[in-house]
Amino acid sequence: MVEVFDCGGGKNRQYVEKFAAMIPRIVKAVAPPERQKQLLIASYSIVDVPMKARLNKSCSDCGAYALKHLECNLLGIDLSLLDDEIIMGCKQKIGVDLWEAANDPIYAKAMTRYVPSPWEREEVFDLED
């Protein structure tokens, strides 16, 4: 199931449908070879997330709202607490959190030691096939 937080009132439904069809293909493509045969490719169902009317009036904060939606789900917080009045502060906090993570010496050191798994490959997959 793909939950859709659509600030555009359904204008982007065609893209969401493509995304819902693409996710299983991506999962199968990156799975270890021994598991790929077991995975079935079927589109996810799409469920619209209920939200307040006239939310995201600027139409430029969907990404921040989507991240906050994930955070609210993980923490068990009601999404209705989010609105346009507080989203700018949320966007600023997300930016600071990303900047701090990018400059974290422990994280940076860990990334220098990253070794791809044997099943990761550099091939490009045509998801339309």
N, C-alpha and C. Protein backbone atom coordinates (compact mmCIF):
# COMPACT_ATOMS: atom_id res chain seq x y z
N MET A 1 0.84 -1.17 0.00
CA MET A 1 0.00 0.00 0.00
C MET A 1 0.89 1.24 0.00
N VAL A 2 0.54 2.21 -0.81
CA VAL A 2 1.22 3.50 -0.87
C VAL A 2 0.26 4.55 -0.32
N GLU A 3 0.67 5.21 0.77
CA GLU A 3 -0.14 6.29 1.31
C GLU A 3 0.26 7.57 0.60
N VAL A 4 -0.72 8.33 0.12
CA VAL A 4 -0.45 9.53 -0.66
C VAL A 4 -0.88 10.76 0.13
N PHE A 5 0.07 11.63 0.36
CA PHE A 5 -0.22 12.93 0.96
C PHE A 5 -0.22 13.90 -0.21
N ASP A 6 -1.38 14.15 -0.78
CA ASP A 6 -1.49 14.92 -2.01
C ASP A 6 -2.01 16.32 -1.73
N CYS A 7 -1.11 17.27 -1.69
CA CYS A 7 -1.49 18.66 -1.46
C CYS A 7 -2.16 19.27 -2.69
N GLY A 8 -2.00 18.63 -3.83
CA GLY A 8 -2.52 19.18 -5.08
C GLY A 8 -3.93 18.73 -5.41
N GLY A 9 -4.60 18.06 -4.49
CA GLY A 9 -5.97 17.65 -4.72
C GLY A 9 -6.17 16.65 -5.84
N GLY A 10 -5.22 15.75 -6.04
CA GLY A 10 -5.36 14.70 -7.04
C GLY A 10 -4.78 15.02 -8.40
N LYS A 11 -4.17 16.20 -8.56
CA LYS A 11 -3.62 16.59 -9.87
C LYS A 11 -2.48 15.67 -10.31
N ASN A 12 -1.80 15.06 -9.36
CA ASN A 12 -0.63 14.25 -9.69
C ASN A 12 -0.90 12.75 -9.58
N ARG A 13 -2.15 12.36 -9.62
CA ARG A 13 -2.52 10.96 -9.43
C ARG A 13 -1.83 10.04 -10.44
N GLN A 14 -1.67 10.50 -11.68
CA GLN A 14 -1.03 9.67 -12.71
C GLN A 14 0.41 9.30 -12.32
N TYR A 15 1.11 10.23 -11.67
CA TYR A 15 2.49 9.96 -11.24
C TYR A 15 2.52 9.02 -10.06
N VAL A 16 1.55 9.17 -9.18
CA VAL A 16 1.47 8.29 -8.02
C VAL A 16 1.21 6.86 -8.47
N GLU A 17 0.34 6.69 -9.46
CA GLU A 17 0.05 5.35 -9.98
C GLU A 17 1.30 4.71 -10.58
N LYS A 18 2.09 5.50 -11.30
CA LYS A 18 3.34 4.97 -11.87
C LYS A 18 4.31 4.59 -10.76
N PHE A 19 4.38 5.41 -9.72
CA PHE A 19 5.25 5.14 -8.59
C PHE A 19 4.83 3.84 -7.89
N ALA A 20 3.52 3.68 -7.70
CA ALA A 20 3.00 2.47 -7.03
C ALA A 20 3.30 1.22 -7.84
N ALA A 21 3.36 1.36 -9.16
CA ALA A 21 3.71 0.22 -10.01
C ALA A 21 5.22 -0.02 -10.04
N MET A 22 6.00 1.06 -9.86
CA MET A 22 7.45 0.96 -9.95
C MET A 22 8.10 0.38 -8.69
N ILE A 23 7.54 0.65 -7.53
CA ILE A 23 8.16 0.21 -6.27
C ILE A 23 8.43 -1.29 -6.25
N PRO A 24 7.44 -2.15 -6.56
CA PRO A 24 7.73 -3.59 -6.52
C PRO A 24 8.84 -4.01 -7.49
N ARG A 25 8.93 -3.35 -8.63
CA ARG A 25 9.98 -3.66 -9.60
C ARG A 25 11.36 -3.29 -9.04
N ILE A 26 11.43 -2.15 -8.37
CA ILE A 26 12.70 -1.73 -7.77
C ILE A 26 13.11 -2.70 -6.67
N VAL A 27 12.15 -3.07 -5.82
CA VAL A 27 12.44 -4.00 -4.74
C VAL A 27 12.97 -5.32 -5.31
N LYS A 28 12.34 -5.81 -6.36
CA LYS A 28 12.79 -7.07 -6.96
C LYS A 28 14.17 -6.91 -7.60
N ALA A 29 14.41 -5.77 -8.25
CA ALA A 29 15.69 -5.55 -8.93
C ALA A 29 16.86 -5.48 -7.96
N VAL A 30 16.64 -4.96 -6.77
CA VAL A 30 17.75 -4.81 -5.82
C VAL A 30 17.83 -5.96 -4.83
N ALA A 31 16.91 -6.90 -4.91
CA ALA A 31 16.92 -8.05 -4.00
C ALA A 31 18.09 -8.97 -4.34
N PRO A 32 18.57 -9.72 -3.36
CA PRO A 32 19.61 -10.72 -3.66
C PRO A 32 19.09 -11.69 -4.71
N PRO A 33 19.95 -12.14 -5.62
CA PRO A 33 19.52 -13.01 -6.73
C PRO A 33 18.70 -14.23 -6.28
N GLU A 34 19.06 -14.82 -5.16
CA GLU A 34 18.35 -16.02 -4.70
C GLU A 34 16.92 -15.71 -4.24
N ARG A 35 16.62 -14.45 -3.94
CA ARG A 35 15.28 -14.05 -3.50
C ARG A 35 14.43 -13.48 -4.63
N GLN A 36 15.06 -13.08 -5.74
CA GLN A 36 14.33 -12.41 -6.82
C GLN A 36 13.20 -13.27 -7.40
N LYS A 37 13.43 -14.57 -7.53
CA LYS A 37 12.42 -15.45 -8.11
C LYS A 37 11.18 -15.56 -7.22
N GLN A 38 11.36 -15.37 -5.91
CA GLN A 38 10.24 -15.49 -4.98
C GLN A 38 9.36 -14.24 -4.96
N LEU A 39 9.90 -13.11 -5.39
CA LEU A 39 9.17 -11.85 -5.31
C LEU A 39 8.23 -11.68 -6.51
N LEU A 40 7.00 -11.36 -6.22
CA LEU A 40 6.01 -11.13 -7.28
C LEU A 40 5.92 -9.64 -7.55
N ILE A 41 5.71 -9.30 -8.81
CA ILE A 41 5.59 -7.89 -9.18
C ILE A 41 4.11 -7.57 -9.34
N ALA A 42 3.59 -6.77 -8.43
CA ALA A 42 2.21 -6.29 -8.50
C ALA A 42 2.17 -4.88 -7.94
N SER A 43 1.38 -4.03 -8.54
CA SER A 43 1.28 -2.64 -8.07
C SER A 43 0.73 -2.59 -6.66
N TYR A 44 1.22 -1.61 -5.92
CA TYR A 44 0.67 -1.35 -4.59
C TYR A 44 -0.66 -0.63 -4.73
N SER A 45 -1.53 -0.81 -3.76
CA SER A 45 -2.77 -0.04 -3.76
C SER A 45 -2.46 1.37 -3.25
N ILE A 46 -3.26 2.32 -3.67
CA ILE A 46 -3.04 3.72 -3.32
C ILE A 46 -4.13 4.17 -2.37
N VAL A 47 -3.72 4.75 -1.24
CA VAL A 47 -4.65 5.25 -0.24
C VAL A 47 -4.33 6.71 0.01
N ASP A 48 -5.33 7.57 -0.12
CA ASP A 48 -5.13 9.00 0.16
C ASP A 48 -5.15 9.24 1.66
N VAL A 49 -4.18 10.01 2.13
CA VAL A 49 -4.09 10.38 3.54
C VAL A 49 -5.07 11.52 3.79
N PRO A 50 -5.95 11.36 4.78
CA PRO A 50 -6.88 12.47 5.07
C PRO A 50 -6.11 13.69 5.57
N MET A 51 -6.49 14.86 5.11
CA MET A 51 -5.83 16.09 5.56
C MET A 51 -6.82 17.24 5.54
N LYS A 52 -6.44 18.30 6.22
CA LYS A 52 -7.29 19.49 6.29
C LYS A 52 -7.49 20.08 4.90
N ALA A 53 -8.62 20.73 4.70
CA ALA A 53 -8.85 21.44 3.46
C ALA A 53 -7.93 22.66 3.40
N ARG A 54 -7.49 23.00 2.22
CA ARG A 54 -6.64 24.17 1.97
C ARG A 54 -5.31 24.11 2.71
N LEU A 55 -4.80 22.92 2.91
CA LEU A 55 -3.49 22.77 3.52
C LEU A 55 -2.43 22.98 2.45
N ASN A 56 -1.30 23.53 2.80
CA ASN A 56 -0.20 23.79 1.88
C ASN A 56 -0.65 24.76 0.78
N LYS A 57 -1.14 25.89 1.19
CA LYS A 57 -1.63 26.90 0.24
C LYS A 57 -0.54 27.40 -0.70
N SER A 58 0.72 27.36 -0.24
CA SER A 58 1.81 27.85 -1.09
C SER A 58 2.16 26.85 -2.19
N CYS A 59 1.72 25.60 -2.04
CA CYS A 59 2.01 24.53 -3.01
C CYS A 59 3.50 24.27 -3.18
N SER A 60 4.31 24.66 -2.19
CA SER A 60 5.75 24.42 -2.31
C SER A 60 6.30 23.66 -1.12
N ASP A 61 5.44 23.16 -0.26
CA ASP A 61 5.91 22.50 0.95
C ASP A 61 5.55 21.02 1.03
N CYS A 62 5.20 20.41 -0.10
CA CYS A 62 4.77 19.01 -0.08
C CYS A 62 5.85 18.09 0.49
N GLY A 63 7.10 18.36 0.15
CA GLY A 63 8.19 17.53 0.66
C GLY A 63 8.28 17.59 2.17
N ALA A 64 8.20 18.80 2.72
CA ALA A 64 8.25 18.96 4.18
C ALA A 64 7.04 18.30 4.83
N TYR A 65 5.87 18.48 4.23
CA TYR A 65 4.68 17.83 4.77
C TYR A 65 4.82 16.31 4.71
N ALA A 66 5.38 15.78 3.63
CA ALA A 66 5.55 14.33 3.51
C ALA A 66 6.49 13.81 4.58
N LEU A 67 7.61 14.50 4.82
CA LEU A 67 8.53 14.08 5.87
C LEU A 67 7.88 14.15 7.24
N LYS A 68 7.14 15.22 7.50
CA LYS A 68 6.46 15.35 8.78
C LYS A 68 5.37 14.29 8.93
N HIS A 69 4.73 13.92 7.81
CA HIS A 69 3.73 12.85 7.85
C HIS A 69 4.39 11.54 8.30
N LEU A 70 5.54 11.23 7.72
CA LEU A 70 6.27 10.03 8.13
C LEU A 70 6.64 10.09 9.61
N GLU A 71 7.15 11.23 10.03
CA GLU A 71 7.53 11.41 11.43
C GLU A 71 6.31 11.23 12.35
N CYS A 72 5.19 11.85 11.99
CA CYS A 72 3.98 11.71 12.80
C CYS A 72 3.53 10.26 12.89
N ASN A 73 3.58 9.53 11.76
CA ASN A 73 3.23 8.11 11.77
C ASN A 73 4.13 7.32 12.71
N LEU A 74 5.44 7.56 12.61
CA LEU A 74 6.40 6.83 13.44
C LEU A 74 6.22 7.12 14.93
N LEU A 75 5.88 8.36 15.25
CA LEU A 75 5.76 8.77 16.66
C LEU A 75 4.33 8.66 17.18
N GLY A 76 3.39 8.29 16.32
CA GLY A 76 2.00 8.18 16.75
C GLY A 76 1.33 9.51 17.02
N ILE A 77 1.78 10.55 16.32
CA ILE A 77 1.22 11.90 16.49
C ILE A 77 0.20 12.15 15.39
N ASP A 78 -0.88 12.84 15.73
CA ASP A 78 -1.95 13.13 14.77
C ASP A 78 -1.45 14.14 13.73
N LEU A 79 -1.56 13.79 12.46
CA LEU A 79 -1.12 14.64 11.36
C LEU A 79 -1.89 15.96 11.31
N SER A 80 -3.09 16.00 11.87
CA SER A 80 -3.89 17.22 11.82
C SER A 80 -3.24 18.36 12.61
N LEU A 81 -2.22 18.08 13.39
CA LEU A 81 -1.52 19.14 14.12
C LEU A 81 -0.68 20.01 13.19
N LEU A 82 -0.35 19.48 12.00
CA LEU A 82 0.46 20.23 11.04
C LEU A 82 -0.41 21.20 10.25
N ASP A 83 0.12 22.39 10.03
CA ASP A 83 -0.56 23.35 9.18
C ASP A 83 0.45 24.33 8.61
N ASP A 84 -0.02 25.21 7.74
CA ASP A 84 0.86 26.15 7.06
C ASP A 84 1.57 27.11 8.01
N GLU A 85 0.99 27.35 9.19
CA GLU A 85 1.60 28.29 10.13
C GLU A 85 2.89 27.76 10.73
N ILE A 86 3.01 26.44 10.86
CA ILE A 86 4.22 25.90 11.49
C ILE A 86 5.17 25.21 10.52
N ILE A 87 4.75 25.03 9.26
CA ILE A 87 5.57 24.25 8.33
C ILE A 87 6.89 24.93 8.01
N MET A 88 6.96 26.27 8.01
CA MET A 88 8.23 26.95 7.74
C MET A 88 9.26 26.58 8.81
N GLY A 89 8.84 26.57 10.06
CA GLY A 89 9.75 26.15 11.13
C GLY A 89 10.16 24.70 10.98
N CYS A 90 9.23 23.85 10.53
CA CYS A 90 9.54 22.44 10.28
C CYS A 90 10.58 22.32 9.17
N LYS A 91 10.41 23.10 8.09
CA LYS A 91 11.37 23.07 6.97
C LYS A 91 12.76 23.49 7.44
N GLN A 92 12.82 24.51 8.29
CA GLN A 92 14.11 24.97 8.79
C GLN A 92 14.75 23.90 9.67
N LYS A 93 13.97 23.23 10.49
CA LYS A 93 14.51 22.17 11.35
C LYS A 93 15.01 21.00 10.51
N ILE A 94 14.28 20.64 9.46
CA ILE A 94 14.72 19.57 8.57
C ILE A 94 16.06 19.94 7.94
N GLY A 95 16.19 21.19 7.48
CA GLY A 95 17.45 21.65 6.89
C GLY A 95 18.60 21.58 7.87
N VAL A 96 18.37 22.02 9.10
CA VAL A 96 19.43 21.98 10.13
C VAL A 96 19.80 20.53 10.45
N ASP A 97 18.80 19.67 10.57
CA ASP A 97 19.07 18.25 10.85
C ASP A 97 19.91 17.62 9.75
N LEU A 98 19.58 17.93 8.48
CA LEU A 98 20.35 17.38 7.36
C LEU A 98 21.78 17.93 7.35
N TRP A 99 21.93 19.22 7.63
CA TRP A 99 23.26 19.83 7.66
C TRP A 99 24.10 19.21 8.77
N GLU A 100 23.50 19.03 9.94
CA GLU A 100 24.24 18.42 11.05
C GLU A 100 24.64 16.98 10.73
N ALA A 101 23.74 16.23 10.10
CA ALA A 101 24.06 14.85 9.74
C ALA A 101 25.19 14.80 8.72
N ALA A 102 25.17 15.72 7.76
CA ALA A 102 26.21 15.75 6.72
C ALA A 102 27.57 16.12 7.30
N ASN A 103 27.57 16.83 8.40
CA ASN A 103 28.83 17.26 9.02
C ASN A 103 29.17 16.48 10.28
N ASP A 104 28.49 15.38 10.52
CA ASP A 104 28.76 14.54 11.68
C ASP A 104 30.01 13.71 11.42
N PRO A 105 31.07 13.88 12.21
CA PRO A 105 32.32 13.16 11.94
C PRO A 105 32.17 11.64 12.05
N ILE A 106 31.31 11.17 12.91
CA ILE A 106 31.11 9.72 13.05
C ILE A 106 30.45 9.17 11.79
N TYR A 107 29.44 9.86 11.31
CA TYR A 107 28.76 9.44 10.08
C TYR A 107 29.71 9.52 8.89
N ALA A 108 30.47 10.60 8.79
CA ALA A 108 31.42 10.77 7.68
C ALA A 108 32.45 9.65 7.69
N LYS A 109 32.95 9.30 8.86
CA LYS A 109 33.95 8.22 8.96
C LYS A 109 33.32 6.88 8.57
N ALA A 110 32.11 6.64 9.01
CA ALA A 110 31.44 5.39 8.66
C ALA A 110 31.25 5.27 7.15
N MET A 111 30.93 6.37 6.48
CA MET A 111 30.72 6.34 5.04
C MET A 111 32.01 6.05 4.28
N THR A 112 33.17 6.40 4.83
CA THR A 112 34.43 6.09 4.16
C THR A 112 34.73 4.59 4.18
N ARG A 113 34.11 3.88 5.11
CA ARG A 113 34.33 2.43 5.23
C ARG A 113 33.25 1.61 4.56
N TYR A 114 32.31 2.28 3.88
CA TYR A 114 31.19 1.57 3.25
C TYR A 114 31.69 0.67 2.14
N VAL A 115 31.24 -0.58 2.17
CA VAL A 115 31.55 -1.54 1.12
C VAL A 115 30.21 -2.09 0.61
N PRO A 116 29.93 -1.93 -0.68
CA PRO A 116 28.65 -2.42 -1.21
C PRO A 116 28.50 -3.92 -1.02
N SER A 117 27.26 -4.35 -0.79
CA SER A 117 26.96 -5.77 -0.66
C SER A 117 27.24 -6.46 -1.99
N PRO A 118 27.54 -7.76 -1.95
CA PRO A 118 27.82 -8.48 -3.20
C PRO A 118 26.67 -8.44 -4.19
N TRP A 119 25.44 -8.34 -3.72
CA TRP A 119 24.30 -8.35 -4.63
C TRP A 119 23.99 -6.97 -5.20
N GLU A 120 24.66 -5.94 -4.70
CA GLU A 120 24.50 -4.62 -5.30
C GLU A 120 25.30 -4.59 -6.60
N ARG A 121 24.72 -4.03 -7.63
CA ARG A 121 25.42 -4.00 -8.91
C ARG A 121 25.22 -2.64 -9.58
N GLU A 122 26.03 -2.40 -10.59
CA GLU A 122 25.98 -1.11 -11.27
C GLU A 122 25.10 -1.15 -12.51
N GLU A 123 24.42 -2.25 -12.75
CA GLU A 123 23.57 -2.36 -13.93
C GLU A 123 22.42 -1.36 -13.83
N VAL A 124 21.98 -0.92 -14.97
CA VAL A 124 20.82 -0.06 -15.05
C VAL A 124 19.66 -0.91 -15.53
N PHE A 125 18.54 -0.84 -14.82
CA PHE A 125 17.37 -1.64 -15.18
C PHE A 125 16.33 -0.76 -15.86
N ASP A 126 15.75 -1.28 -16.91
CA ASP A 126 14.65 -0.59 -17.57
C ASP A 126 13.38 -1.03 -16.89
N LEU A 127 12.78 -0.15 -16.09
CA LEU A 127 11.61 -0.52 -15.31
C LEU A 127 10.34 -0.66 -16.15
N GLU A 128 10.41 -0.29 -17.41
CA GLU A 128 9.25 -0.45 -18.30
C GLU A 128 9.15 -1.88 -18.80
N ASP A 129 10.22 -2.67 -18.73
CA ASP A 129 10.19 -4.05 -19.20
C ASP A 129 9.40 -4.94 -18.28
